[in-house]
Amino acid sequence: MATKPPDLHHLAQPGAEIALRVTPNASRNQVLWDDVSGLRIQVTATPEGGKATEAVRKLLAKALGVPKTSLVLIRGQTARDKVFRLER
Protein backbone atom coordinates (compact mmCIF):
# COMPACT_ATOMS: atom_id res chain seq x y z
CA MET A 1 0.00 0.00 0.00
CA ALA A 2 1.57 3.28 -1.11
CA THR A 3 1.48 6.19 1.28
CA LYS A 4 0.68 9.67 0.05
CA PRO A 5 3.62 12.06 0.43
CA PRO A 6 3.06 14.97 2.80
CA ASP A 7 1.76 18.20 1.30
CA LEU A 8 4.54 20.75 1.74
CA HIS A 9 3.06 23.53 -0.40
CA HIS A 10 2.74 25.73 2.70
CA LEU A 11 6.57 25.80 2.91
CA ALA A 12 6.94 27.08 -0.67
CA GLN A 13 7.65 30.71 0.21
CA PRO A 14 10.46 32.60 -1.58
CA GLY A 15 13.48 32.79 0.71
CA ALA A 16 12.32 29.92 2.91
CA GLU A 17 15.06 27.71 4.32
CA ILE A 18 14.07 24.06 4.55
CA ALA A 19 16.06 21.78 6.84
CA LEU A 20 15.83 18.03 6.37
CA ARG A 21 17.53 14.71 7.08
CA VAL A 22 18.52 12.45 4.18
CA THR A 23 18.71 8.66 4.09
CA PRO A 24 20.61 7.51 0.99
CA ASN A 25 20.53 3.90 -0.29
CA ALA A 26 16.92 3.49 0.90
CA SER A 27 14.60 0.85 -0.52
CA ARG A 28 12.42 3.54 -2.15
CA ASN A 29 12.21 7.29 -2.70
CA GLN A 30 9.87 8.98 -0.26
CA VAL A 31 9.25 12.17 1.69
CA LEU A 32 8.33 11.72 5.35
CA TRP A 33 7.19 14.19 7.99
CA ASP A 34 6.55 13.76 11.68
CA ASP A 35 6.38 16.17 14.58
CA VAL A 36 9.35 14.62 16.40
CA SER A 37 12.05 14.37 13.72
CA GLY A 38 10.68 16.84 11.17
CA LEU A 39 11.24 16.47 7.45
CA ARG A 40 13.06 13.35 6.26
CA ILE A 41 13.71 12.27 2.69
CA GLN A 42 14.75 8.76 1.71
CA VAL A 43 16.33 8.18 -1.69
CA THR A 44 17.56 5.09 -3.50
CA ALA A 45 20.56 6.98 -4.89
CA THR A 46 24.04 6.46 -3.49
CA PRO A 47 25.80 9.29 -1.67
CA GLU A 48 28.55 9.46 -4.30
CA GLY A 49 29.20 12.36 -6.62
CA GLY A 50 26.16 14.31 -5.45
CA LYS A 51 23.68 11.72 -6.76
CA ALA A 52 21.75 11.51 -3.49
CA THR A 53 21.62 15.31 -3.15
CA GLU A 54 20.19 15.68 -6.65
CA ALA A 55 17.60 12.97 -5.95
CA VAL A 56 16.63 14.84 -2.76
CA ARG A 57 16.36 18.13 -4.67
CA LYS A 58 14.01 16.47 -7.19
CA LEU A 59 11.76 14.88 -4.53
CA LEU A 60 11.64 18.02 -2.42
CA ALA A 61 10.75 20.18 -5.42
CA LYS A 62 7.91 17.83 -6.31
CA ALA A 63 6.57 17.88 -2.73
CA LEU A 64 6.76 21.69 -2.66
CA GLY A 65 5.28 22.11 -6.13
CA VAL A 66 8.21 24.18 -7.41
CA PRO A 67 10.83 23.65 -10.13
CA LYS A 68 13.94 21.88 -8.88
CA THR A 69 16.11 24.72 -10.18
CA SER A 70 14.58 27.03 -7.56
CA LEU A 71 16.04 24.95 -4.70
CA VAL A 72 19.58 25.91 -3.74
CA LEU A 73 21.60 23.80 -1.30
CA ILE A 74 23.08 26.15 1.28
CA ARG A 75 24.37 23.66 3.88
CA GLY A 76 25.18 19.96 4.00
CA GLN A 77 26.82 19.14 0.66
CA THR A 78 28.31 15.93 2.08
CA ALA A 79 26.19 15.55 5.23
CA ARG A 80 22.89 13.81 5.91
CA ASP A 81 21.47 16.99 7.42
CA LYS A 82 20.87 19.49 4.63
CA VAL A 83 19.34 22.95 4.28
CA PHE A 84 17.85 24.14 1.00
CA ARG A 85 16.74 27.71 0.23
CA LEU A 86 13.80 28.32 -2.06
CA GLU A 87 14.59 31.04 -4.58
CA ARG A 88 12.23 32.32 -7.24
PDB file of N, CA and C in Angstrom:
ATOM      1  N   MET A   1       0.839  -1.181   0.000  1.00  0.00           N
ATOM      2  CA  MET A   1       0.000   0.000   0.000  1.00  0.00           C
ATOM      3  C   MET A   1       0.886   1.247   0.000  1.00  0.00           C
ATOM      4  N   ALA A   2       0.768   2.066  -0.993  1.00  0.00           N
ATOM      5  CA  ALA A   2       1.573   3.277  -1.106  1.00  0.00           C
ATOM      6  C   ALA A   2       1.007   4.365  -0.203  1.00  0.00           C
ATOM      7  N   THR A   3       1.913   5.082   0.440  1.00  0.00           N
ATOM      8  CA  THR A   3       1.478   6.188   1.280  1.00  0.00           C
ATOM      9  C   THR A   3       1.589   7.477   0.492  1.00  0.00           C
ATOM     10  N   LYS A   4       0.684   8.375   0.731  1.00  0.00           N
ATOM     11  CA  LYS A   4       0.678   9.668   0.048  1.00  0.00           C
ATOM     12  C   LYS A   4       1.755  10.552   0.680  1.00  0.00           C
ATOM     13  N   PRO A   5       2.605  11.184  -0.144  1.00  0.00           N
ATOM     14  CA  PRO A   5       3.624  12.062   0.432  1.00  0.00           C
ATOM     15  C   PRO A   5       2.978  13.263   1.110  1.00  0.00           C
ATOM     16  N   PRO A   6       3.646  13.820   2.112  1.00  0.00           N
ATOM     17  CA  PRO A   6       3.061  14.971   2.803  1.00  0.00           C
ATOM     18  C   PRO A   6       2.962  16.175   1.874  1.00  0.00           C
ATOM     19  N   ASP A   7       1.948  16.980   2.081  1.00  0.00           N
ATOM     20  CA  ASP A   7       1.763  18.200   1.300  1.00  0.00           C
ATOM     21  C   ASP A   7       2.610  19.298   1.932  1.00  0.00           C
ATOM     22  N   LEU A   8       3.628  19.740   1.209  1.00  0.00           N
ATOM     23  CA  LEU A   8       4.543  20.745   1.737  1.00  0.00           C
ATOM     24  C   LEU A   8       4.378  22.098   1.047  1.00  0.00           C
ATOM     25  N   HIS A   9       3.267  22.288   0.331  1.00  0.00           N
ATOM     26  CA  HIS A   9       3.063  23.534  -0.400  1.00  0.00           C
ATOM     27  C   HIS A   9       3.096  24.768   0.508  1.00  0.00           C
ATOM     28  N   HIS A  10       2.732  24.594   1.779  1.00  0.00           N
ATOM     29  CA  HIS A  10       2.737  25.731   2.701  1.00  0.00           C
ATOM     30  C   HIS A  10       4.160  26.220   2.986  1.00  0.00           C
ATOM     31  N   LEU A  11       5.184  25.397   2.711  1.00  0.00           N
ATOM     32  CA  LEU A  11       6.574  25.803   2.914  1.00  0.00           C
ATOM     33  C   LEU A  11       7.156  26.527   1.700  1.00  0.00           C
ATOM     34  N   ALA A  12       6.431  26.531   0.597  1.00  0.00           N
ATOM     35  CA  ALA A  12       6.936  27.078  -0.669  1.00  0.00           C
ATOM     36  C   ALA A  12       6.833  28.599  -0.702  1.00  0.00           C
ATOM     37  N   GLN A  13       7.587  29.250   0.159  1.00  0.00           N
ATOM     38  CA  GLN A  13       7.645  30.710   0.208  1.00  0.00           C
ATOM     39  C   GLN A  13       9.031  31.153  -0.252  1.00  0.00           C
ATOM     40  N   PRO A  14       9.142  32.129  -1.143  1.00  0.00           N
ATOM     41  CA  PRO A  14      10.458  32.597  -1.582  1.00  0.00           C
ATOM     42  C   PRO A  14      11.326  32.990  -0.395  1.00  0.00           C
ATOM     43  N   GLY A  15      12.556  32.503  -0.382  1.00  0.00           N
ATOM     44  CA  GLY A  15      13.484  32.788   0.706  1.00  0.00           C
ATOM     45  C   GLY A  15      13.415  31.804   1.857  1.00  0.00           C
ATOM     46  N   ALA A  16      12.463  30.893   1.829  1.00  0.00           N
ATOM     47  CA  ALA A  16      12.318  29.924   2.915  1.00  0.00           C
ATOM     48  C   ALA A  16      13.521  28.981   2.943  1.00  0.00           C
ATOM     49  N   GLU A  17      13.994  28.676   4.142  1.00  0.00           N
ATOM     50  CA  GLU A  17      15.064  27.706   4.319  1.00  0.00           C
ATOM     51  C   GLU A  17      14.444  26.431   4.874  1.00  0.00           C
ATOM     52  N   ILE A  18      14.698  25.325   4.207  1.00  0.00           N
ATOM     53  CA  ILE A  18      14.068  24.056   4.550  1.00  0.00           C
ATOM     54  C   ILE A  18      15.140  23.076   4.998  1.00  0.00           C
ATOM     55  N   ALA A  19      15.104  22.724   6.274  1.00  0.00           N
ATOM     56  CA  ALA A  19      16.061  21.777   6.843  1.00  0.00           C
ATOM     57  C   ALA A  19      15.463  20.376   6.778  1.00  0.00           C
ATOM     58  N   LEU A  20      16.306  19.404   6.467  1.00  0.00           N
ATOM     59  CA  LEU A  20      15.830  18.031   6.369  1.00  0.00           C
ATOM     60  C   LEU A  20      16.958  17.049   6.637  1.00  0.00           C
ATOM     61  N   ARG A  21      16.586  15.812   6.853  1.00  0.00           N
ATOM     62  CA  ARG A  21      17.535  14.711   7.077  1.00  0.00           C
ATOM     63  C   ARG A  21      17.391  13.744   5.920  1.00  0.00           C
ATOM     64  N   VAL A  22      18.510  13.320   5.349  1.00  0.00           N
ATOM     65  CA  VAL A  22      18.518  12.451   4.175  1.00  0.00           C
ATOM     66  C   VAL A  22      18.968  11.045   4.556  1.00  0.00           C
ATOM     67  N   THR A  23      18.286  10.056   3.982  1.00  0.00           N
ATOM     68  CA  THR A  23      18.706   8.664   4.094  1.00  0.00           C
ATOM     69  C   THR A  23      18.984   8.161   2.683  1.00  0.00           C
ATOM     70  N   PRO A  24      20.282   8.046   2.311  1.00  0.00           N
ATOM     71  CA  PRO A  24      20.608   7.506   0.993  1.00  0.00           C
ATOM     72  C   PRO A  24      20.528   5.980   1.008  1.00  0.00           C
ATOM     73  N   ASN A  25      20.572   5.369  -0.154  1.00  0.00           N
ATOM     74  CA  ASN A  25      20.530   3.902  -0.292  1.00  0.00           C
ATOM     75  C   ASN A  25      19.279   3.288   0.341  1.00  0.00           C
ATOM     76  N   ALA A  26      18.174   4.005   0.335  1.00  0.00           N
ATOM     77  CA  ALA A  26      16.921   3.494   0.897  1.00  0.00           C
ATOM     78  C   ALA A  26      16.280   2.520  -0.096  1.00  0.00           C
ATOM     79  N   SER A  27      15.277   1.807   0.355  1.00  0.00           N
ATOM     80  CA  SER A  27      14.601   0.853  -0.524  1.00  0.00           C
ATOM     81  C   SER A  27      13.678   1.543  -1.521  1.00  0.00           C
ATOM     82  N   ARG A  28      13.261   2.777  -1.221  1.00  0.00           N
ATOM     83  CA  ARG A  28      12.424   3.540  -2.150  1.00  0.00           C
ATOM     84  C   ARG A  28      12.570   5.033  -1.869  1.00  0.00           C
ATOM     85  N   ASN A  29      12.188   5.837  -2.861  1.00  0.00           N
ATOM     86  CA  ASN A  29      12.207   7.290  -2.704  1.00  0.00           C
ATOM     87  C   ASN A  29      10.921   7.719  -2.020  1.00  0.00           C
ATOM     88  N   GLN A  30      11.064   8.486  -0.937  1.00  0.00           N
ATOM     89  CA  GLN A  30       9.865   8.979  -0.258  1.00  0.00           C
ATOM     90  C   GLN A  30      10.191  10.171   0.623  1.00  0.00           C
ATOM     91  N   VAL A  31       9.167  11.002   0.819  1.00  0.00           N
ATOM     92  CA  VAL A  31       9.245  12.167   1.692  1.00  0.00           C
ATOM     93  C   VAL A  31       8.417  11.847   2.925  1.00  0.00           C
ATOM     94  N   LEU A  32       9.016  12.024   4.097  1.00  0.00           N
ATOM     95  CA  LEU A  32       8.334  11.716   5.352  1.00  0.00           C
ATOM     96  C   LEU A  32       8.338  12.947   6.248  1.00  0.00           C
ATOM     97  N   TRP A  33       7.281  13.084   7.032  1.00  0.00           N
ATOM     98  CA  TRP A  33       7.187  14.186   7.995  1.00  0.00           C
ATOM     99  C   TRP A  33       6.570  13.664   9.270  1.00  0.00           C
ATOM    100  N   ASP A  34       7.193  14.000  10.388  1.00  0.00           N
ATOM    101  CA  ASP A  34       6.547  13.756  11.679  1.00  0.00           C
ATOM    102  C   ASP A  34       6.963  14.865  12.630  1.00  0.00           C
ATOM    103  N   ASP A  35       6.168  15.045  13.670  1.00  0.00           N
ATOM    104  CA  ASP A  35       6.382  16.170  14.582  1.00  0.00           C
ATOM    105  C   ASP A  35       7.654  16.042  15.409  1.00  0.00           C
ATOM    106  N   VAL A  36       8.166  14.829  15.574  1.00  0.00           N
ATOM    107  CA  VAL A  36       9.352  14.623  16.399  1.00  0.00           C
ATOM    108  C   VAL A  36      10.633  14.898  15.611  1.00  0.00           C
ATOM    109  N   SER A  37      10.783  14.235  14.464  1.00  0.00           N
ATOM    110  CA  SER A  37      12.046  14.368  13.724  1.00  0.00           C
ATOM    111  C   SER A  37      11.966  15.337  12.557  1.00  0.00           C
ATOM    112  N   GLY A  38      10.817  15.864  12.240  1.00  0.00           N
ATOM    113  CA  GLY A  38      10.684  16.842  11.172  1.00  0.00           C
ATOM    114  C   GLY A  38      10.680  16.214   9.791  1.00  0.00           C
ATOM    115  N   LEU A  39      11.250  16.901   8.838  1.00  0.00           N
ATOM    116  CA  LEU A  39      11.243  16.471   7.447  1.00  0.00           C
ATOM    117  C   LEU A  39      12.397  15.503   7.192  1.00  0.00           C
ATOM    118  N   ARG A  40      12.063  14.359   6.630  1.00  0.00           N
ATOM    119  CA  ARG A  40      13.060  13.350   6.260  1.00  0.00           C
ATOM    120  C   ARG A  40      12.778  12.922   4.827  1.00  0.00           C
ATOM    121  N   ILE A  41      13.847  12.741   4.060  1.00  0.00           N
ATOM    122  CA  ILE A  41      13.709  12.273   2.688  1.00  0.00           C
ATOM    123  C   ILE A  41      14.599  11.064   2.499  1.00  0.00           C
ATOM    124  N   GLN A  42      14.016   9.990   2.001  1.00  0.00           N
ATOM    125  CA  GLN A  42      14.746   8.764   1.715  1.00  0.00           C
ATOM    126  C   GLN A  42      14.865   8.620   0.209  1.00  0.00           C
ATOM    127  N   VAL A  43      16.091   8.339  -0.261  1.00  0.00           N
ATOM    128  CA  VAL A  43      16.327   8.181  -1.694  1.00  0.00           C
ATOM    129  C   VAL A  43      17.095   6.893  -1.956  1.00  0.00           C
ATOM    130  N   THR A  44      16.862   6.315  -3.112  1.00  0.00           N
ATOM    131  CA  THR A  44      17.559   5.085  -3.495  1.00  0.00           C
ATOM    132  C   THR A  44      18.961   5.369  -4.013  1.00  0.00           C
ATOM    133  N   ALA A  45      19.263   6.601  -4.343  1.00  0.00           N
ATOM    134  CA  ALA A  45      20.563   6.978  -4.895  1.00  0.00           C
ATOM    135  C   ALA A  45      21.671   6.822  -3.857  1.00  0.00           C
ATOM    136  N   THR A  46      22.872   6.573  -4.367  1.00  0.00           N
ATOM    137  CA  THR A  46      24.039   6.459  -3.490  1.00  0.00           C
ATOM    138  C   THR A  46      24.581   7.847  -3.183  1.00  0.00           C
ATOM    139  N   PRO A  47      25.256   7.985  -2.037  1.00  0.00           N
ATOM    140  CA  PRO A  47      25.800   9.295  -1.669  1.00  0.00           C
ATOM    141  C   PRO A  47      27.165   9.547  -2.316  1.00  0.00           C
ATOM    142  N   GLU A  48      27.282   9.264  -3.590  1.00  0.00           N
ATOM    143  CA  GLU A  48      28.547   9.457  -4.301  1.00  0.00           C
ATOM    144  C   GLU A  48      28.352  10.451  -5.435  1.00  0.00           C
ATOM    145  N   GLY A  49      29.244  11.400  -5.524  1.00  0.00           N
ATOM    146  CA  GLY A  49      29.204  12.360  -6.620  1.00  0.00           C
ATOM    147  C   GLY A  49      27.974  13.248  -6.645  1.00  0.00           C
ATOM    148  N   GLY A  50      27.324  13.437  -5.512  1.00  0.00           N
ATOM    149  CA  GLY A  50      26.158  14.309  -5.447  1.00  0.00           C
ATOM    150  C   GLY A  50      24.872  13.684  -5.962  1.00  0.00           C
ATOM    151  N   LYS A  51      24.878  12.383  -6.234  1.00  0.00           N
ATOM    152  CA  LYS A  51      23.677  11.719  -6.759  1.00  0.00           C
ATOM    153  C   LYS A  51      22.520  11.765  -5.768  1.00  0.00           C
ATOM    154  N   ALA A  52      22.805  11.500  -4.503  1.00  0.00           N
ATOM    155  CA  ALA A  52      21.746  11.514  -3.491  1.00  0.00           C
ATOM    156  C   ALA A  52      21.198  12.924  -3.305  1.00  0.00           C
ATOM    157  N   THR A  53      22.065  13.924  -3.311  1.00  0.00           N
ATOM    158  CA  THR A  53      21.619  15.306  -3.150  1.00  0.00           C
ATOM    159  C   THR A  53      20.703  15.719  -4.290  1.00  0.00           C
ATOM    160  N   GLU A  54      21.039  15.337  -5.508  1.00  0.00           N
ATOM    161  CA  GLU A  54      20.190  15.679  -6.650  1.00  0.00           C
ATOM    162  C   GLU A  54      18.845  14.953  -6.580  1.00  0.00           C
ATOM    163  N   ALA A  55      18.851  13.709  -6.113  1.00  0.00           N
ATOM    164  CA  ALA A  55      17.597  12.969  -5.952  1.00  0.00           C
ATOM    165  C   ALA A  55      16.724  13.633  -4.889  1.00  0.00           C
ATOM    166  N   VAL A  56      17.355  14.129  -3.818  1.00  0.00           N
ATOM    167  CA  VAL A  56      16.631  14.839  -2.760  1.00  0.00           C
ATOM    168  C   VAL A  56      16.038  16.133  -3.313  1.00  0.00           C
ATOM    169  N   ARG A  57      16.832  16.874  -4.083  1.00  0.00           N
ATOM    170  CA  ARG A  57      16.355  18.130  -4.673  1.00  0.00           C
ATOM    171  C   ARG A  57      15.107  17.872  -5.526  1.00  0.00           C
ATOM    172  N   LYS A  58      15.136  16.802  -6.318  1.00  0.00           N
ATOM    173  CA  LYS A  58      14.012  16.470  -7.195  1.00  0.00           C
ATOM    174  C   LYS A  58      12.758  16.113  -6.385  1.00  0.00           C
ATOM    175  N   LEU A  59      12.908  15.270  -5.366  1.00  0.00           N
ATOM    176  CA  LEU A  59      11.756  14.880  -4.534  1.00  0.00           C
ATOM    177  C   LEU A  59      11.195  16.064  -3.753  1.00  0.00           C
ATOM    178  N   LEU A  60      12.086  16.873  -3.199  1.00  0.00           N
ATOM    179  CA  LEU A  60      11.644  18.025  -2.419  1.00  0.00           C
ATOM    180  C   LEU A  60      10.899  19.018  -3.309  1.00  0.00           C
ATOM    181  N   ALA A  61      11.416  19.259  -4.497  1.00  0.00           N
ATOM    182  CA  ALA A  61      10.754  20.181  -5.425  1.00  0.00           C
ATOM    183  C   ALA A  61       9.360  19.686  -5.777  1.00  0.00           C
ATOM    184  N   LYS A  62       9.223  18.395  -5.994  1.00  0.00           N
ATOM    185  CA  LYS A  62       7.912  17.828  -6.313  1.00  0.00           C
ATOM    186  C   LYS A  62       6.946  18.002  -5.141  1.00  0.00           C
ATOM    187  N   ALA A  63       7.428  17.746  -3.914  1.00  0.00           N
ATOM    188  CA  ALA A  63       6.573  17.884  -2.726  1.00  0.00           C
ATOM    189  C   ALA A  63       6.163  19.337  -2.482  1.00  0.00           C
ATOM    190  N   LEU A  64       7.058  20.271  -2.847  1.00  0.00           N
ATOM    191  CA  LEU A  64       6.761  21.687  -2.657  1.00  0.00           C
ATOM    192  C   LEU A  64       5.953  22.273  -3.809  1.00  0.00           C
ATOM    193  N   GLY A  65       5.983  21.608  -4.957  1.00  0.00           N
ATOM    194  CA  GLY A  65       5.283  22.111  -6.128  1.00  0.00           C
ATOM    195  C   GLY A  65       6.031  23.239  -6.814  1.00  0.00           C
ATOM    196  N   VAL A  66       7.366  23.157  -6.788  1.00  0.00           N
ATOM    197  CA  VAL A  66       8.210  24.183  -7.412  1.00  0.00           C
ATOM    198  C   VAL A  66       9.198  23.502  -8.351  1.00  0.00           C
ATOM    199  N   PRO A  67       9.801  24.254  -9.283  1.00  0.00           N
ATOM    200  CA  PRO A  67      10.835  23.654 -10.130  1.00  0.00           C
ATOM    201  C   PRO A  67      12.086  23.345  -9.313  1.00  0.00           C
ATOM    202  N   LYS A  68      12.763  22.265  -9.657  1.00  0.00           N
ATOM    203  CA  LYS A  68      13.943  21.878  -8.875  1.00  0.00           C
ATOM    204  C   LYS A  68      15.070  22.899  -8.979  1.00  0.00           C
ATOM    205  N   THR A  69      15.072  23.692 -10.038  1.00  0.00           N
ATOM    206  CA  THR A  69      16.106  24.722 -10.179  1.00  0.00           C
ATOM    207  C   THR A  69      15.943  25.858  -9.182  1.00  0.00           C
ATOM    208  N   SER A  70      14.792  25.959  -8.540  1.00  0.00           N
ATOM    209  CA  SER A  70      14.583  27.028  -7.562  1.00  0.00           C
ATOM    210  C   SER A  70      15.069  26.635  -6.167  1.00  0.00           C
ATOM    211  N   LEU A  71      15.510  25.388  -5.982  1.00  0.00           N
ATOM    212  CA  LEU A  71      16.041  24.947  -4.701  1.00  0.00           C
ATOM    213  C   LEU A  71      17.563  24.985  -4.735  1.00  0.00           C
ATOM    214  N   VAL A  72      18.140  25.751  -3.814  1.00  0.00           N
ATOM    215  CA  VAL A  72      19.580  25.906  -3.738  1.00  0.00           C
ATOM    216  C   VAL A  72      20.059  25.300  -2.420  1.00  0.00           C
ATOM    217  N   LEU A  73      21.028  24.403  -2.503  1.00  0.00           N
ATOM    218  CA  LEU A  73      21.601  23.797  -1.299  1.00  0.00           C
ATOM    219  C   LEU A  73      22.519  24.811  -0.646  1.00  0.00           C
ATOM    220  N   ILE A  74      22.233  25.162   0.607  1.00  0.00           N
ATOM    221  CA  ILE A  74      23.077  26.147   1.282  1.00  0.00           C
ATOM    222  C   ILE A  74      23.939  25.536   2.381  1.00  0.00           C
ATOM    223  N   ARG A  75      23.559  24.366   2.893  1.00  0.00           N
ATOM    224  CA  ARG A  75      24.373  23.661   3.884  1.00  0.00           C
ATOM    225  C   ARG A  75      24.178  22.162   3.740  1.00  0.00           C
ATOM    226  N   GLY A  76      25.274  21.408   3.947  1.00  0.00           N
ATOM    227  CA  GLY A  76      25.177  19.960   3.997  1.00  0.00           C
ATOM    228  C   GLY A  76      25.517  19.247   2.707  1.00  0.00           C
ATOM    229  N   GLN A  77      26.457  19.774   1.935  1.00  0.00           N
ATOM    230  CA  GLN A  77      26.818  19.145   0.664  1.00  0.00           C
ATOM    231  C   GLN A  77      27.157  17.664   0.841  1.00  0.00           C
ATOM    232  N   THR A  78      27.913  17.316   1.873  1.00  0.00           N
ATOM    233  CA  THR A  78      28.311  15.926   2.081  1.00  0.00           C
ATOM    234  C   THR A  78      27.722  15.333   3.363  1.00  0.00           C
ATOM    235  N   ALA A  79      26.771  16.015   3.965  1.00  0.00           N
ATOM    236  CA  ALA A  79      26.186  15.552   5.225  1.00  0.00           C
ATOM    237  C   ALA A  79      24.769  15.029   5.010  1.00  0.00           C
ATOM    238  N   ARG A  80      24.279  14.287   5.976  1.00  0.00           N
ATOM    239  CA  ARG A  80      22.889  13.812   5.914  1.00  0.00           C
ATOM    240  C   ARG A  80      21.903  14.913   6.251  1.00  0.00           C
ATOM    241  N   ASP A  81      22.321  15.847   7.084  1.00  0.00           N
ATOM    242  CA  ASP A  81      21.474  16.987   7.425  1.00  0.00           C
ATOM    243  C   ASP A  81      21.757  18.095   6.416  1.00  0.00           C
ATOM    244  N   LYS A  82      20.724  18.513   5.692  1.00  0.00           N
ATOM    245  CA  LYS A  82      20.875  19.495   4.629  1.00  0.00           C
ATOM    246  C   LYS A  82      19.896  20.646   4.832  1.00  0.00           C
ATOM    247  N   VAL A  83      20.238  21.793   4.270  1.00  0.00           N
ATOM    248  CA  VAL A  83      19.342  22.951   4.281  1.00  0.00           C
ATOM    249  C   VAL A  83      19.293  23.483   2.851  1.00  0.00           C
ATOM    250  N   PHE A  84      18.075  23.578   2.323  1.00  0.00           N
ATOM    251  CA  PHE A  84      17.847  24.143   1.002  1.00  0.00           C
ATOM    252  C   PHE A  84      17.149  25.489   1.164  1.00  0.00           C
ATOM    253  N   ARG A  85      17.447  26.433   0.264  1.00  0.00           N
ATOM    254  CA  ARG A  85      16.736  27.713   0.226  1.00  0.00           C
ATOM    255  C   ARG A  85      15.904  27.740  -1.057  1.00  0.00           C
ATOM    256  N   LEU A  86      14.692  28.193  -0.920  1.00  0.00           N
ATOM    257  CA  LEU A  86      13.802  28.316  -2.063  1.00  0.00           C
ATOM    258  C   LEU A  86      13.942  29.710  -2.657  1.00  0.00           C
ATOM    259  N   GLU A  87      14.425  29.768  -3.893  1.00  0.00           N
ATOM    260  CA  GLU A  87      14.594  31.039  -4.578  1.00  0.00           C
ATOM    261  C   GLU A  87      13.705  31.067  -5.787  1.00  0.00           C
ATOM    262  N   ARG A  88      13.113  32.201  -6.069  1.00  0.00           N
ATOM    263  CA  ARG A  88      12.229  32.322  -7.243  1.00  0.00           C
ATOM    264  C   ARG A  88      12.685  33.437  -8.110  1.00  0.00           C
TER     265      ARG A  88
END
